[in-house]
Amino acid sequence: MNSESGRTVEQRFLDEIKLRSELKRKVSKIAVNHIGHDRQMSIEINKGFSTPLDVARHLGRNYITLSALARLDGKEFVDMNQPFALEFYYSR
């Protein structure tokens, strides 16, 4: 038993697990549809965390090395490191 807190190691461990589970953020998912010249693909990613670069990693090495910007909905261009916020189409 720990003299500082009067709790056992097991009790402290269980308290820590409970605290971490309460702090865990709920991550919502969004669908990103890739429409390219060679194929179409739908990927489910974490909203607010995942970036176009993460999608490019799913598509293959060439997409990573050849992409500087991502085109959203065929109109808007964004940085490859900008996290996705909305559901949209990703195309090369």
PDB file of N, CA and C in Angstrom:
ATOM      1  N   MET A   1       0.842  -1.181   0.000  1.00  0.00           N
ATOM      2  CA  MET A   1       0.000   0.000   0.000  1.00  0.00           C
ATOM      3  C   MET A   1       0.884   1.240   0.000  1.00  0.00           C
ATOM      4  N   ASN A   2       0.519   2.224  -0.751  1.00  0.00           N
ATOM      5  CA  ASN A   2       1.259   3.466  -0.853  1.00  0.00           C
ATOM      6  C   ASN A   2       0.906   4.354   0.332  1.00  0.00           C
ATOM      7  N   SER A   3       1.912   4.806   1.069  1.00  0.00           N
ATOM      8  CA  SER A   3       1.636   5.621   2.250  1.00  0.00           C
ATOM      9  C   SER A   3       1.151   7.025   1.895  1.00  0.00           C
ATOM     10  N   GLU A   4       1.490   7.519   0.698  1.00  0.00           N
ATOM     11  CA  GLU A   4       1.059   8.860   0.288  1.00  0.00           C
ATOM     12  C   GLU A   4      -0.454   8.954   0.170  1.00  0.00           C
ATOM     13  N   SER A   5      -1.042   8.029  -0.524  1.00  0.00           N
ATOM     14  CA  SER A   5      -2.464   8.149  -0.822  1.00  0.00           C
ATOM     15  C   SER A   5      -3.315   7.130  -0.088  1.00  0.00           C
ATOM     16  N   GLY A   6      -2.725   6.126   0.483  1.00  0.00           N
ATOM     17  CA  GLY A   6      -3.488   5.101   1.185  1.00  0.00           C
ATOM     18  C   GLY A   6      -4.223   4.167   0.228  1.00  0.00           C
ATOM     19  N   ARG A   7      -3.864   4.195  -1.060  1.00  0.00           N
ATOM     20  CA  ARG A   7      -4.510   3.333  -2.052  1.00  0.00           C
ATOM     21  C   ARG A   7      -3.513   2.320  -2.581  1.00  0.00           C
ATOM     22  N   THR A   8      -4.033   1.222  -3.014  1.00  0.00           N
ATOM     23  CA  THR A   8      -3.161   0.199  -3.586  1.00  0.00           C
ATOM     24  C   THR A   8      -2.804   0.580  -5.017  1.00  0.00           C
ATOM     25  N   VAL A   9      -1.801  -0.080  -5.543  1.00  0.00           N
ATOM     26  CA  VAL A   9      -1.386   0.146  -6.928  1.00  0.00           C
ATOM     27  C   VAL A   9      -2.544  -0.183  -7.867  1.00  0.00           C
ATOM     28  N   GLU A  10      -3.264  -1.232  -7.555  1.00  0.00           N
ATOM     29  CA  GLU A  10      -4.400  -1.634  -8.392  1.00  0.00           C
ATOM     30  C   GLU A  10      -5.480  -0.553  -8.400  1.00  0.00           C
ATOM     31  N   GLN A  11      -5.757   0.034  -7.253  1.00  0.00           N
ATOM     32  CA  GLN A  11      -6.767   1.099  -7.188  1.00  0.00           C
ATOM     33  C   GLN A  11      -6.340   2.320  -8.004  1.00  0.00           C
ATOM     34  N   ARG A  12      -5.069   2.683  -7.918  1.00  0.00           N
ATOM     35  CA  ARG A  12      -4.569   3.815  -8.688  1.00  0.00           C
ATOM     36  C   ARG A  12      -4.634   3.520 -10.182  1.00  0.00           C
ATOM     37  N   PHE A  13      -4.301   2.292 -10.560  1.00  0.00           N
ATOM     38  CA  PHE A  13      -4.366   1.874 -11.962  1.00  0.00           C
ATOM     39  C   PHE A  13      -5.798   1.979 -12.491  1.00  0.00           C
ATOM     40  N   LEU A  14      -6.763   1.476 -11.729  1.00  0.00           N
ATOM     41  CA  LEU A  14      -8.161   1.537 -12.150  1.00  0.00           C
ATOM     42  C   LEU A  14      -8.663   2.980 -12.235  1.00  0.00           C
ATOM     43  N   ASP A  15      -8.219   3.826 -11.293  1.00  0.00           N
ATOM     44  CA  ASP A  15      -8.582   5.243 -11.348  1.00  0.00           C
ATOM     45  C   ASP A  15      -8.014   5.910 -12.598  1.00  0.00           C
ATOM     46  N   GLU A  16      -6.793   5.558 -12.958  1.00  0.00           N
ATOM     47  CA  GLU A  16      -6.158   6.128 -14.151  1.00  0.00           C
ATOM     48  C   GLU A  16      -6.885   5.694 -15.419  1.00  0.00           C
ATOM     49  N   ILE A  17      -7.283   4.453 -15.516  1.00  0.00           N
ATOM     50  CA  ILE A  17      -8.043   3.961 -16.674  1.00  0.00           C
ATOM     51  C   ILE A  17      -9.368   4.707 -16.789  1.00  0.00           C
ATOM     52  N   LYS A  18     -10.045   4.889 -15.665  1.00  0.00           N
ATOM     53  CA  LYS A  18     -11.320   5.600 -15.668  1.00  0.00           C
ATOM     54  C   LYS A  18     -11.133   7.042 -16.127  1.00  0.00           C
ATOM     55  N   LEU A  19     -10.099   7.709 -15.620  1.00  0.00           N
ATOM     56  CA  LEU A  19      -9.816   9.086 -15.998  1.00  0.00           C
ATOM     57  C   LEU A  19      -9.530   9.200 -17.495  1.00  0.00           C
ATOM     58  N   ARG A  20      -8.707   8.311 -18.022  1.00  0.00           N
ATOM     59  CA  ARG A  20      -8.365   8.353 -19.453  1.00  0.00           C
ATOM     60  C   ARG A  20      -9.574   8.088 -20.339  1.00  0.00           C
ATOM     61  N   SER A  21     -10.438   7.186 -19.929  1.00  0.00           N
ATOM     62  CA  SER A  21     -11.620   6.912 -20.742  1.00  0.00           C
ATOM     63  C   SER A  21     -12.576   8.101 -20.739  1.00  0.00           C
ATOM     64  N   GLU A  22     -12.624   8.848 -19.661  1.00  0.00           N
ATOM     65  CA  GLU A  22     -13.469  10.046 -19.600  1.00  0.00           C
ATOM     66  C   GLU A  22     -12.899  11.179 -20.442  1.00  0.00           C
ATOM     67  N   LEU A  23     -11.586  11.246 -20.554  1.00  0.00           N
ATOM     68  CA  LEU A  23     -10.935  12.301 -21.325  1.00  0.00           C
ATOM     69  C   LEU A  23     -10.889  12.003 -22.820  1.00  0.00           C
ATOM     70  N   LYS A  24     -11.081  10.742 -23.175  1.00  0.00           N
ATOM     71  CA  LYS A  24     -10.982  10.347 -24.570  1.00  0.00           C
ATOM     72  C   LYS A  24     -12.014  11.091 -25.412  1.00  0.00           C
ATOM     73  N   ARG A  25     -11.558  11.731 -26.465  1.00  0.00           N
ATOM     74  CA  ARG A  25     -12.463  12.458 -27.353  1.00  0.00           C
ATOM     75  C   ARG A  25     -13.156  11.494 -28.291  1.00  0.00           C
ATOM     76  N   LYS A  26     -14.390  11.824 -28.583  1.00  0.00           N
ATOM     77  CA  LYS A  26     -15.100  11.054 -29.585  1.00  0.00           C
ATOM     78  C   LYS A  26     -14.732  11.638 -30.940  1.00  0.00           C
ATOM     79  N   VAL A  27     -14.247  10.787 -31.803  1.00  0.00           N
ATOM     80  CA  VAL A  27     -13.813  11.213 -33.128  1.00  0.00           C
ATOM     81  C   VAL A  27     -14.889  10.832 -34.129  1.00  0.00           C
ATOM     82  N   SER A  28     -15.390  11.825 -34.855  1.00  0.00           N
ATOM     83  CA  SER A  28     -16.385  11.520 -35.875  1.00  0.00           C
ATOM     84  C   SER A  28     -15.679  11.205 -37.189  1.00  0.00           C
ATOM     85  N   LYS A  29     -16.309  10.390 -37.978  1.00  0.00           N
ATOM     86  CA  LYS A  29     -15.750   9.947 -39.260  1.00  0.00           C
ATOM     87  C   LYS A  29     -16.473  10.635 -40.402  1.00  0.00           C
ATOM     88  N   ILE A  30     -15.747  10.846 -41.481  1.00  0.00           N
ATOM     89  CA  ILE A  30     -16.355  11.363 -42.702  1.00  0.00           C
ATOM     90  C   ILE A  30     -15.898  10.509 -43.877  1.00  0.00           C
ATOM     91  N   ALA A  31     -16.694  10.497 -44.905  1.00  0.00           N
ATOM     92  CA  ALA A  31     -16.343   9.749 -46.115  1.00  0.00           C
ATOM     93  C   ALA A  31     -15.731  10.699 -47.127  1.00  0.00           C
ATOM     94  N   VAL A  32     -14.599  10.311 -47.655  1.00  0.00           N
ATOM     95  CA  VAL A  32     -13.939  11.078 -48.704  1.00  0.00           C
ATOM     96  C   VAL A  32     -13.943  10.209 -49.951  1.00  0.00           C
ATOM     97  N   ASN A  33     -14.469  10.750 -51.026  1.00  0.00           N
ATOM     98  CA  ASN A  33     -14.534  10.022 -52.289  1.00  0.00           C
ATOM     99  C   ASN A  33     -13.475  10.562 -53.235  1.00  0.00           C
ATOM    100  N   HIS A  34     -12.571   9.698 -53.630  1.00  0.00           N
ATOM    101  CA  HIS A  34     -11.528  10.073 -54.584  1.00  0.00           C
ATOM    102  C   HIS A  34     -12.033   9.736 -55.983  1.00  0.00           C
ATOM    103  N   ILE A  35     -12.017  10.733 -56.859  1.00  0.00           N
ATOM    104  CA  ILE A  35     -12.394  10.517 -58.250  1.00  0.00           C
ATOM    105  C   ILE A  35     -11.180  10.893 -59.087  1.00  0.00           C
ATOM    106  N   GLY A  36     -10.466   9.899 -59.552  1.00  0.00           N
ATOM    107  CA  GLY A  36      -9.257  10.148 -60.325  1.00  0.00           C
ATOM    108  C   GLY A  36      -9.389   9.650 -61.746  1.00  0.00           C
ATOM    109  N   HIS A  37      -8.358   9.896 -62.537  1.00  0.00           N
ATOM    110  CA  HIS A  37      -8.393   9.451 -63.926  1.00  0.00           C
ATOM    111  C   HIS A  37      -8.254   7.937 -64.048  1.00  0.00           C
ATOM    112  N   ASP A  38      -7.647   7.308 -63.055  1.00  0.00           N
ATOM    113  CA  ASP A  38      -7.410   5.860 -63.140  1.00  0.00           C
ATOM    114  C   ASP A  38      -8.388   5.018 -62.322  1.00  0.00           C
ATOM    115  N   ARG A  39      -8.971   5.588 -61.274  1.00  0.00           N
ATOM    116  CA  ARG A  39      -9.902   4.822 -60.433  1.00  0.00           C
ATOM    117  C   ARG A  39     -10.694   5.737 -59.511  1.00  0.00           C
ATOM    118  N   GLN A  40     -11.733   5.181 -58.920  1.00  0.00           N
ATOM    119  CA  GLN A  40     -12.525   5.864 -57.902  1.00  0.00           C
ATOM    120  C   GLN A  40     -12.410   5.068 -56.613  1.00  0.00           C
ATOM    121  N   MET A  41     -12.385   5.780 -55.490  1.00  0.00           N
ATOM    122  CA  MET A  41     -12.206   5.108 -54.205  1.00  0.00           C
ATOM    123  C   MET A  41     -12.883   5.924 -53.121  1.00  0.00           C
ATOM    124  N   SER A  42     -13.502   5.263 -52.159  1.00  0.00           N
ATOM    125  CA  SER A  42     -14.105   5.929 -51.018  1.00  0.00           C
ATOM    126  C   SER A  42     -13.353   5.505 -49.757  1.00  0.00           C
ATOM    127  N   ILE A  43     -12.977   6.486 -48.942  1.00  0.00           N
ATOM    128  CA  ILE A  43     -12.195   6.225 -47.734  1.00  0.00           C
ATOM    129  C   ILE A  43     -12.887   6.908 -46.569  1.00  0.00           C
ATOM    130  N   GLU A  44     -12.978   6.225 -45.442  1.00  0.00           N
ATOM    131  CA  GLU A  44     -13.529   6.807 -44.225  1.00  0.00           C
ATOM    132  C   GLU A  44     -12.366   7.263 -43.354  1.00  0.00           C
ATOM    133  N   ILE A  45     -12.382   8.553 -42.972  1.00  0.00           N
ATOM    134  CA  ILE A  45     -11.278   9.121 -42.205  1.00  0.00           C
ATOM    135  C   ILE A  45     -11.820   9.899 -41.001  1.00  0.00           C
ATOM    136  N   ASN A  46     -10.902  10.314 -40.131  1.00  0.00           N
ATOM    137  CA  ASN A  46     -11.268  11.072 -38.929  1.00  0.00           C
ATOM    138  C   ASN A  46     -11.455  12.547 -39.261  1.00  0.00           C
ATOM    139  N   LYS A  47     -12.628  13.063 -38.965  1.00  0.00           N
ATOM    140  CA  LYS A  47     -12.942  14.471 -39.223  1.00  0.00           C
ATOM    141  C   LYS A  47     -12.121  15.357 -38.290  1.00  0.00           C
ATOM    142  N   GLY A  48     -11.502  16.380 -38.854  1.00  0.00           N
ATOM    143  CA  GLY A  48     -10.725  17.325 -38.061  1.00  0.00           C
ATOM    144  C   GLY A  48      -9.301  16.899 -37.771  1.00  0.00           C
ATOM    145  N   PHE A  49      -8.932  15.660 -38.067  1.00  0.00           N
ATOM    146  CA  PHE A  49      -7.580  15.172 -37.805  1.00  0.00           C
ATOM    147  C   PHE A  49      -6.876  14.743 -39.078  1.00  0.00           C
ATOM    148  N   SER A  50      -7.575  13.988 -39.921  1.00  0.00           N
ATOM    149  CA  SER A  50      -6.972  13.459 -41.142  1.00  0.00           C
ATOM    150  C   SER A  50      -6.852  14.554 -42.192  1.00  0.00           C
ATOM    151  N   THR A  51      -5.854  14.406 -43.042  1.00  0.00           N
ATOM    152  CA  THR A  51      -5.546  15.408 -44.063  1.00  0.00           C
ATOM    153  C   THR A  51      -5.584  14.769 -45.452  1.00  0.00           C
ATOM    154  N   PRO A  52      -5.545  15.589 -46.506  1.00  0.00           N
ATOM    155  CA  PRO A  52      -5.427  15.022 -47.853  1.00  0.00           C
ATOM    156  C   PRO A  52      -4.186  14.148 -48.015  1.00  0.00           C
ATOM    157  N   LEU A  53      -3.133  14.465 -47.278  1.00  0.00           N
ATOM    158  CA  LEU A  53      -1.930  13.636 -47.329  1.00  0.00           C
ATOM    159  C   LEU A  53      -2.220  12.225 -46.816  1.00  0.00           C
ATOM    160  N   ASP A  54      -3.052  12.100 -45.792  1.00  0.00           N
ATOM    161  CA  ASP A  54      -3.445  10.787 -45.288  1.00  0.00           C
ATOM    162  C   ASP A  54      -4.216  10.001 -46.345  1.00  0.00           C
ATOM    163  N   VAL A  55      -5.084  10.694 -47.078  1.00  0.00           N
ATOM    164  CA  VAL A  55      -5.833  10.041 -48.158  1.00  0.00           C
ATOM    165  C   VAL A  55      -4.865   9.591 -49.245  1.00  0.00           C
ATOM    166  N   ALA A  56      -3.903  10.443 -49.580  1.00  0.00           N
ATOM    167  CA  ALA A  56      -2.909  10.092 -50.593  1.00  0.00           C
ATOM    168  C   ALA A  56      -2.119   8.850 -50.180  1.00  0.00           C
ATOM    169  N   ARG A  57      -1.847   8.702 -48.900  1.00  0.00           N
ATOM    170  CA  ARG A  57      -1.144   7.502 -48.418  1.00  0.00           C
ATOM    171  C   ARG A  57      -1.954   6.237 -48.693  1.00  0.00           C
ATOM    172  N   HIS A  58      -3.274   6.334 -48.592  1.00  0.00           N
ATOM    173  CA  HIS A  58      -4.132   5.192 -48.885  1.00  0.00           C
ATOM    174  C   HIS A  58      -4.140   4.865 -50.381  1.00  0.00           C
ATOM    175  N   LEU A  59      -3.989   5.893 -51.192  1.00  0.00           N
ATOM    176  CA  LEU A  59      -4.064   5.706 -52.640  1.00  0.00           C
ATOM    177  C   LEU A  59      -2.775   5.159 -53.241  1.00  0.00           C
ATOM    178  N   GLY A  60      -1.646   5.479 -52.650  1.00  0.00           N
ATOM    179  CA  GLY A  60      -0.386   4.944 -53.161  1.00  0.00           C
ATOM    180  C   GLY A  60       0.737   5.965 -53.140  1.00  0.00           C
ATOM    181  N   ARG A  61       1.936   5.468 -53.301  1.00  0.00           N
ATOM    182  CA  ARG A  61       3.144   6.288 -53.209  1.00  0.00           C
ATOM    183  C   ARG A  61       3.174   7.410 -54.247  1.00  0.00           C
ATOM    184  N   ASN A  62       2.723   7.143 -55.462  1.00  0.00           N
ATOM    185  CA  ASN A  62       2.735   8.183 -56.502  1.00  0.00           C
ATOM    186  C   ASN A  62       1.884   9.381 -56.110  1.00  0.00           C
ATOM    187  N   TYR A  63       0.765   9.145 -55.466  1.00  0.00           N
ATOM    188  CA  TYR A  63      -0.095  10.251 -55.041  1.00  0.00           C
ATOM    189  C   TYR A  63       0.608  11.116 -54.000  1.00  0.00           C
ATOM    190  N   ILE A  64       1.412  10.504 -53.157  1.00  0.00           N
ATOM    191  CA  ILE A  64       2.138  11.262 -52.132  1.00  0.00           C
ATOM    192  C   ILE A  64       3.210  12.129 -52.778  1.00  0.00           C
ATOM    193  N   THR A  65       4.000  11.548 -53.661  1.00  0.00           N
ATOM    194  CA  THR A  65       5.127  12.276 -54.239  1.00  0.00           C
ATOM    195  C   THR A  65       4.722  13.294 -55.293  1.00  0.00           C
ATOM    196  N   LEU A  66       3.607  13.074 -55.981  1.00  0.00           N
ATOM    197  CA  LEU A  66       3.220  13.968 -57.073  1.00  0.00           C
ATOM    198  C   LEU A  66       2.208  15.043 -56.670  1.00  0.00           C
ATOM    199  N   SER A  67       1.689  15.002 -55.454  1.00  0.00           N
ATOM    200  CA  SER A  67       0.640  15.944 -55.048  1.00  0.00           C
ATOM    201  C   SER A  67       1.198  17.080 -54.205  1.00  0.00           C
ATOM    202  N   ALA A  68       0.838  18.295 -54.563  1.00  0.00           N
ATOM    203  CA  ALA A  68       1.206  19.477 -53.774  1.00  0.00           C
ATOM    204  C   ALA A  68      -0.023  20.079 -53.115  1.00  0.00           C
ATOM    205  N   LEU A  69      -1.172  19.970 -53.790  1.00  0.00           N
ATOM    206  CA  LEU A  69      -2.439  20.492 -53.288  1.00  0.00           C
ATOM    207  C   LEU A  69      -3.522  19.443 -53.485  1.00  0.00           C
ATOM    208  N   ALA A  70      -4.604  19.579 -52.728  1.00  0.00           N
ATOM    209  CA  ALA A  70      -5.775  18.723 -52.917  1.00  0.00           C
ATOM    210  C   ALA A  70      -6.895  19.586 -53.485  1.00  0.00           C
ATOM    211  N   ARG A  71      -7.637  19.018 -54.406  1.00  0.00           N
ATOM    212  CA  ARG A  71      -8.774  19.744 -54.985  1.00  0.00           C
ATOM    213  C   ARG A  71     -10.046  19.176 -54.385  1.00  0.00           C
ATOM    214  N   LEU A  72     -10.846  20.043 -53.781  1.00  0.00           N
ATOM    215  CA  LEU A  72     -12.076  19.626 -53.129  1.00  0.00           C
ATOM    216  C   LEU A  72     -13.271  19.972 -54.003  1.00  0.00           C
ATOM    217  N   ASP A  73     -14.141  19.019 -54.194  1.00  0.00           N
ATOM    218  CA  ASP A  73     -15.337  19.197 -55.019  1.00  0.00           C
ATOM    219  C   ASP A  73     -15.013  19.686 -56.422  1.00  0.00           C
ATOM    220  N   GLY A  74     -13.801  19.434 -56.877  1.00  0.00           N
ATOM    221  CA  GLY A  74     -13.413  19.851 -58.213  1.00  0.00           C
ATOM    222  C   GLY A  74     -13.219  21.343 -58.362  1.00  0.00           C
ATOM    223  N   LYS A  75     -13.264  22.101 -57.268  1.00  0.00           N
ATOM    224  CA  LYS A  75     -13.185  23.569 -57.330  1.00  0.00           C
ATOM    225  C   LYS A  75     -12.059  24.119 -56.462  1.00  0.00           C
ATOM    226  N   GLU A  76     -12.179  23.948 -55.175  1.00  0.00           N
ATOM    227  CA  GLU A  76     -11.296  24.584 -54.201  1.00  0.00           C
ATOM    228  C   GLU A  76     -10.006  23.777 -54.027  1.00  0.00           C
ATOM    229  N   PHE A  77      -8.869  24.466 -53.988  1.00  0.00           N
ATOM    230  CA  PHE A  77      -7.588  23.822 -53.726  1.00  0.00           C
ATOM    231  C   PHE A  77      -7.168  24.114 -52.295  1.00  0.00           C
ATOM    232  N   VAL A  78      -6.683  23.079 -51.585  1.00  0.00           N
ATOM    233  CA  VAL A  78      -6.225  23.245 -50.205  1.00  0.00           C
ATOM    234  C   VAL A  78      -4.876  22.570 -50.027  1.00  0.00           C
ATOM    235  N   ASP A  79      -4.168  22.977 -48.993  1.00  0.00           N
ATOM    236  CA  ASP A  79      -2.882  22.397 -48.641  1.00  0.00           C
ATOM    237  C   ASP A  79      -3.052  20.924 -48.281  1.00  0.00           C
ATOM    238  N   MET A  80      -2.084  20.103 -48.598  1.00  0.00           N
ATOM    239  CA  MET A  80      -2.149  18.665 -48.318  1.00  0.00           C
ATOM    240  C   MET A  80      -2.118  18.362 -46.817  1.00  0.00           C
ATOM    241  N   ASN A  81      -1.715  19.337 -45.995  1.00  0.00           N
ATOM    242  CA  ASN A  81      -1.639  19.125 -44.542  1.00  0.00           C
ATOM    243  C   ASN A  81      -2.795  19.751 -43.779  1.00  0.00           C
ATOM    244  N   GLN A  82      -3.773  20.286 -44.482  1.00  0.00           N
ATOM    245  CA  GLN A  82      -4.934  20.914 -43.830  1.00  0.00           C
ATOM    246  C   GLN A  82      -5.955  19.834 -43.471  1.00  0.00           C
ATOM    247  N   PRO A  83      -6.327  19.706 -42.192  1.00  0.00           N
ATOM    248  CA  PRO A  83      -7.296  18.673 -41.797  1.00  0.00           C
ATOM    249  C   PRO A  83      -8.664  18.874 -42.453  1.00  0.00           C
ATOM    250  N   PHE A  84      -9.311  17.758 -42.785  1.00  0.00           N
ATOM    251  CA  PHE A  84     -10.648  17.798 -43.361  1.00  0.00           C
ATOM    252  C   PHE A  84     -11.659  18.215 -42.296  1.00  0.00           C
ATOM    253  N   ALA A  85     -12.611  19.059 -42.694  1.00  0.00           N
ATOM    254  CA  ALA A  85     -13.639  19.507 -41.763  1.00  0.00           C
ATOM    255  C   ALA A  85     -15.035  19.085 -42.229  1.00  0.00           C
ATOM    256  N   LEU A  86     -15.233  18.929 -43.509  1.00  0.00           N
ATOM    257  CA  LEU A  86     -16.539  18.597 -44.066  1.00  0.00           C
ATOM    258  C   LEU A  86     -16.453  17.351 -44.936  1.00  0.00           C
ATOM    259  N   GLU A  87     -17.594  16.809 -45.279  1.00  0.00           N
ATOM    260  CA  GLU A  87     -17.616  15.678 -46.201  1.00  0.00           C
ATOM    261  C   GLU A  87     -17.649  16.225 -47.619  1.00  0.00           C
ATOM    262  N   PHE A  88     -16.807  15.720 -48.480  1.00  0.00           N
ATOM    263  CA  PHE A  88     -16.708  16.241 -49.831  1.00  0.00           C
ATOM    264  C   PHE A  88     -16.022  15.219 -50.715  1.00  0.00           C
ATOM    265  N   TYR A  89     -15.862  15.564 -51.955  1.00  0.00           N
ATOM    266  CA  TYR A  89     -15.134  14.724 -52.900  1.00  0.00           C
ATOM    267  C   TYR A  89     -13.708  15.211 -52.993  1.00  0.00           C
ATOM    268  N   TYR A  90     -12.796  14.298 -52.961  1.00  0.00           N
ATOM    269  CA  TYR A  90     -11.369  14.588 -53.096  1.00  0.00           C
ATOM    270  C   TYR A  90     -10.972  14.116 -54.464  1.00  0.00           C
ATOM    271  N   SER A  91     -10.423  14.989 -55.255  1.00  0.00           N
ATOM    272  CA  SER A  91      -9.960  14.517 -56.557  1.00  0.00           C
ATOM    273  C   SER A  91      -8.602  15.086 -56.864  1.00  0.00           C
ATOM    274  N   ARG A  92      -7.886  14.383 -57.683  1.00  0.00           N
ATOM    275  CA  ARG A  92      -6.509  14.743 -57.996  1.00  0.00           C
ATOM    276  C   ARG A  92      -6.460  15.758 -59.096  1.00  0.00           C
TER     277      ARG A  92
END
